[in-house]
Amino acid sequence: MEQSIVRVEEFIFDAWNCLPECYSEVKKLAFGVLEIFGSTYSCEQALSCMNTIKNKVRSQLTNKNLESCLKQQVISQI
């Protein structure tokens, strides 16, 4: 699923890059808006991982241990 998302993102960015240079300001605006969605997706994914890691059974985790577990989880998904 993530690979299909990456391909769609590449397609969208490629489409905007094909516009003539006279639309450079419109392209900048479009890329700015598109970046918001990418960073929102990353944040939501990280929060989802954090909720999975820190469930009722493991609610005693310190922030440092939670951060280490979260890093491992996110890196393993890349």
N, C-alpha and C. Protein backbone atom coordinates (compact mmCIF):
# COMPACT_ATOMS: atom_id res chain seq x y z
N MET A 1 0.81 -1.19 0.00
CA MET A 1 0.00 0.00 0.00
C MET A 1 0.86 1.26 0.00
N GLU A 2 1.94 1.27 0.83
CA GLU A 2 2.78 2.45 0.89
C GLU A 2 3.47 2.71 -0.45
N GLN A 3 3.83 1.65 -1.17
CA GLN A 3 4.47 1.83 -2.47
C GLN A 3 3.52 2.50 -3.44
N SER A 4 2.23 2.15 -3.39
CA SER A 4 1.27 2.80 -4.28
C SER A 4 1.10 4.27 -3.92
N ILE A 5 1.18 4.59 -2.63
CA ILE A 5 1.10 5.99 -2.21
C ILE A 5 2.29 6.75 -2.75
N VAL A 6 3.49 6.16 -2.67
CA VAL A 6 4.70 6.81 -3.18
C VAL A 6 4.57 7.05 -4.67
N ARG A 7 4.06 6.08 -5.42
CA ARG A 7 3.91 6.25 -6.86
C ARG A 7 2.92 7.36 -7.18
N VAL A 8 1.85 7.44 -6.43
CA VAL A 8 0.86 8.50 -6.67
C VAL A 8 1.49 9.85 -6.38
N GLU A 9 2.24 9.95 -5.28
CA GLU A 9 2.91 11.21 -4.95
C GLU A 9 3.89 11.61 -6.05
N GLU A 10 4.66 10.65 -6.55
CA GLU A 10 5.60 10.95 -7.63
C GLU A 10 4.85 11.44 -8.87
N PHE A 11 3.75 10.80 -9.19
CA PHE A 11 2.95 11.20 -10.34
C PHE A 11 2.45 12.63 -10.18
N ILE A 12 1.96 12.96 -9.00
CA ILE A 12 1.44 14.32 -8.75
C ILE A 12 2.56 15.35 -8.87
N PHE A 13 3.71 15.08 -8.24
CA PHE A 13 4.82 16.02 -8.31
C PHE A 13 5.34 16.15 -9.74
N ASP A 14 5.42 15.04 -10.46
CA ASP A 14 5.86 15.08 -11.86
C ASP A 14 4.90 15.91 -12.72
N ALA A 15 3.62 15.77 -12.45
CA ALA A 15 2.63 16.53 -13.22
C ALA A 15 2.82 18.03 -13.00
N TRP A 16 3.04 18.43 -11.75
CA TRP A 16 3.25 19.85 -11.47
C TRP A 16 4.58 20.33 -12.06
N ASN A 17 5.60 19.47 -12.06
CA ASN A 17 6.90 19.86 -12.62
C ASN A 17 6.85 20.04 -14.13
N CYS A 18 5.88 19.45 -14.79
CA CYS A 18 5.77 19.57 -16.24
C CYS A 18 5.22 20.93 -16.69
N LEU A 19 4.70 21.69 -15.76
CA LEU A 19 4.15 23.00 -16.13
C LEU A 19 5.27 23.92 -16.60
N PRO A 20 4.97 24.81 -17.54
CA PRO A 20 5.99 25.76 -18.01
C PRO A 20 6.47 26.67 -16.88
N GLU A 21 7.64 27.25 -17.06
CA GLU A 21 8.26 28.09 -16.03
C GLU A 21 7.43 29.33 -15.70
N CYS A 22 6.56 29.75 -16.61
CA CYS A 22 5.73 30.93 -16.33
C CYS A 22 4.74 30.68 -15.19
N TYR A 23 4.57 29.42 -14.80
CA TYR A 23 3.69 29.06 -13.68
C TYR A 23 4.49 28.73 -12.42
N SER A 24 5.69 29.29 -12.30
CA SER A 24 6.56 28.93 -11.18
C SER A 24 5.94 29.26 -9.82
N GLU A 25 5.23 30.37 -9.72
CA GLU A 25 4.60 30.73 -8.43
C GLU A 25 3.47 29.77 -8.08
N VAL A 26 2.72 29.34 -9.07
CA VAL A 26 1.64 28.37 -8.84
C VAL A 26 2.24 27.04 -8.40
N LYS A 27 3.36 26.64 -9.04
CA LYS A 27 4.04 25.40 -8.67
C LYS A 27 4.53 25.45 -7.22
N LYS A 28 5.11 26.59 -6.82
CA LYS A 28 5.59 26.74 -5.44
C LYS A 28 4.44 26.58 -4.45
N LEU A 29 3.33 27.19 -4.76
CA LEU A 29 2.15 27.09 -3.90
C LEU A 29 1.65 25.64 -3.83
N ALA A 30 1.58 24.99 -4.98
CA ALA A 30 1.11 23.60 -5.02
C ALA A 30 2.03 22.69 -4.22
N PHE A 31 3.34 22.86 -4.38
CA PHE A 31 4.28 22.02 -3.64
C PHE A 31 4.17 22.28 -2.14
N GLY A 32 3.95 23.53 -1.76
CA GLY A 32 3.76 23.85 -0.34
C GLY A 32 2.55 23.14 0.23
N VAL A 33 1.46 23.12 -0.51
CA VAL A 33 0.24 22.45 -0.05
C VAL A 33 0.45 20.94 -0.01
N LEU A 34 1.10 20.39 -1.03
CA LEU A 34 1.34 18.95 -1.07
C LEU A 34 2.25 18.48 0.07
N GLU A 35 3.21 19.31 0.46
CA GLU A 35 4.10 18.94 1.55
C GLU A 35 3.35 18.83 2.87
N ILE A 36 2.32 19.62 3.06
CA ILE A 36 1.53 19.55 4.29
C ILE A 36 0.94 18.16 4.44
N PHE A 37 0.39 17.62 3.36
CA PHE A 37 -0.24 16.30 3.44
C PHE A 37 0.78 15.21 3.74
N GLY A 38 1.96 15.31 3.16
CA GLY A 38 3.00 14.32 3.42
C GLY A 38 3.45 14.34 4.87
N SER A 39 3.64 15.53 5.44
CA SER A 39 4.07 15.60 6.83
C SER A 39 2.94 15.19 7.77
N THR A 40 1.70 15.48 7.42
CA THR A 40 0.57 15.06 8.24
C THR A 40 0.49 13.54 8.28
N TYR A 41 0.69 12.91 7.13
CA TYR A 41 0.67 11.45 7.05
C TYR A 41 1.75 10.86 7.94
N SER A 42 2.95 11.43 7.90
CA SER A 42 4.06 10.93 8.72
C SER A 42 3.75 11.07 10.21
N CYS A 43 3.17 12.19 10.58
CA CYS A 43 2.82 12.40 12.00
C CYS A 43 1.75 11.41 12.44
N GLU A 44 0.74 11.22 11.62
CA GLU A 44 -0.33 10.28 11.96
C GLU A 44 0.21 8.86 12.09
N GLN A 45 1.13 8.51 11.21
CA GLN A 45 1.72 7.17 11.25
C GLN A 45 2.54 7.00 12.53
N ALA A 46 3.30 8.02 12.91
CA ALA A 46 4.11 7.95 14.13
C ALA A 46 3.22 7.85 15.37
N LEU A 47 2.13 8.63 15.41
CA LEU A 47 1.21 8.57 16.54
C LEU A 47 0.54 7.20 16.63
N SER A 48 0.21 6.63 15.49
CA SER A 48 -0.39 5.30 15.48
C SER A 48 0.58 4.27 16.05
N CYS A 49 1.84 4.36 15.65
CA CYS A 49 2.86 3.46 16.18
C CYS A 49 3.01 3.64 17.69
N MET A 50 2.99 4.89 18.13
CA MET A 50 3.14 5.17 19.55
C MET A 50 1.98 4.57 20.34
N ASN A 51 0.78 4.69 19.82
CA ASN A 51 -0.39 4.12 20.49
C ASN A 51 -0.32 2.60 20.55
N THR A 52 0.23 1.98 19.51
CA THR A 52 0.40 0.53 19.49
C THR A 52 1.42 0.10 20.55
N ILE A 53 2.51 0.84 20.62
CA ILE A 53 3.58 0.51 21.56
C ILE A 53 3.13 0.74 23.00
N LYS A 54 2.53 1.89 23.25
CA LYS A 54 2.17 2.25 24.62
C LYS A 54 0.69 1.94 24.85
N ASN A 55 0.40 0.68 25.03
CA ASN A 55 -0.98 0.27 25.29
C ASN A 55 -1.17 0.10 26.80
N LYS A 56 -2.28 -0.45 27.22
CA LYS A 56 -2.58 -0.60 28.65
C LYS A 56 -1.54 -1.44 29.37
N VAL A 57 -1.05 -2.47 28.69
CA VAL A 57 -0.07 -3.37 29.31
C VAL A 57 1.27 -2.65 29.50
N ARG A 58 1.62 -1.82 28.55
CA ARG A 58 2.93 -1.14 28.61
C ARG A 58 2.78 0.34 28.93
N SER A 59 1.81 0.70 29.72
CA SER A 59 1.57 2.11 30.02
C SER A 59 2.62 2.68 30.97
N GLN A 60 3.45 1.83 31.54
CA GLN A 60 4.47 2.27 32.49
C GLN A 60 5.76 2.72 31.80
N LEU A 61 5.81 2.66 30.48
CA LEU A 61 7.03 3.05 29.76
C LEU A 61 7.37 4.51 30.02
N THR A 62 8.65 4.76 30.23
CA THR A 62 9.09 6.15 30.35
C THR A 62 9.14 6.76 28.96
N ASN A 63 9.19 8.06 28.89
CA ASN A 63 9.25 8.74 27.58
C ASN A 63 10.51 8.34 26.81
N LYS A 64 11.61 8.16 27.53
CA LYS A 64 12.86 7.78 26.85
C LYS A 64 12.73 6.39 26.23
N ASN A 65 12.17 5.43 26.98
CA ASN A 65 11.99 4.08 26.44
C ASN A 65 10.96 4.07 25.30
N LEU A 66 9.91 4.85 25.45
CA LEU A 66 8.91 4.95 24.39
C LEU A 66 9.53 5.52 23.12
N GLU A 67 10.38 6.54 23.29
CA GLU A 67 11.05 7.14 22.13
C GLU A 67 11.92 6.11 21.42
N SER A 68 12.65 5.30 22.17
CA SER A 68 13.49 4.26 21.57
C SER A 68 12.66 3.23 20.82
N CYS A 69 11.55 2.80 21.43
CA CYS A 69 10.67 1.83 20.77
C CYS A 69 10.06 2.43 19.51
N LEU A 70 9.68 3.69 19.59
CA LEU A 70 9.07 4.37 18.43
C LEU A 70 10.06 4.49 17.28
N LYS A 71 11.31 4.83 17.60
CA LYS A 71 12.35 4.92 16.56
C LYS A 71 12.52 3.58 15.86
N GLN A 72 12.59 2.51 16.65
CA GLN A 72 12.73 1.17 16.06
C GLN A 72 11.57 0.83 15.16
N GLN A 73 10.36 1.13 15.61
CA GLN A 73 9.17 0.82 14.83
C GLN A 73 9.13 1.59 13.52
N VAL A 74 9.43 2.88 13.58
CA VAL A 74 9.38 3.72 12.37
C VAL A 74 10.46 3.32 11.40
N ILE A 75 11.68 3.05 11.90
CA ILE A 75 12.78 2.66 11.02
C ILE A 75 12.50 1.32 10.36
N SER A 76 11.88 0.40 11.08
CA SER A 76 11.60 -0.92 10.51
C SER A 76 10.55 -0.85 9.40
N GLN A 77 9.74 0.20 9.38
CA GLN A 77 8.71 0.36 8.34
C GLN A 77 9.26 1.02 7.09
N ILE A 78 10.43 1.56 7.15
CA ILE A 78 11.00 2.26 5.98
C ILE A 78 11.55 1.30 4.99
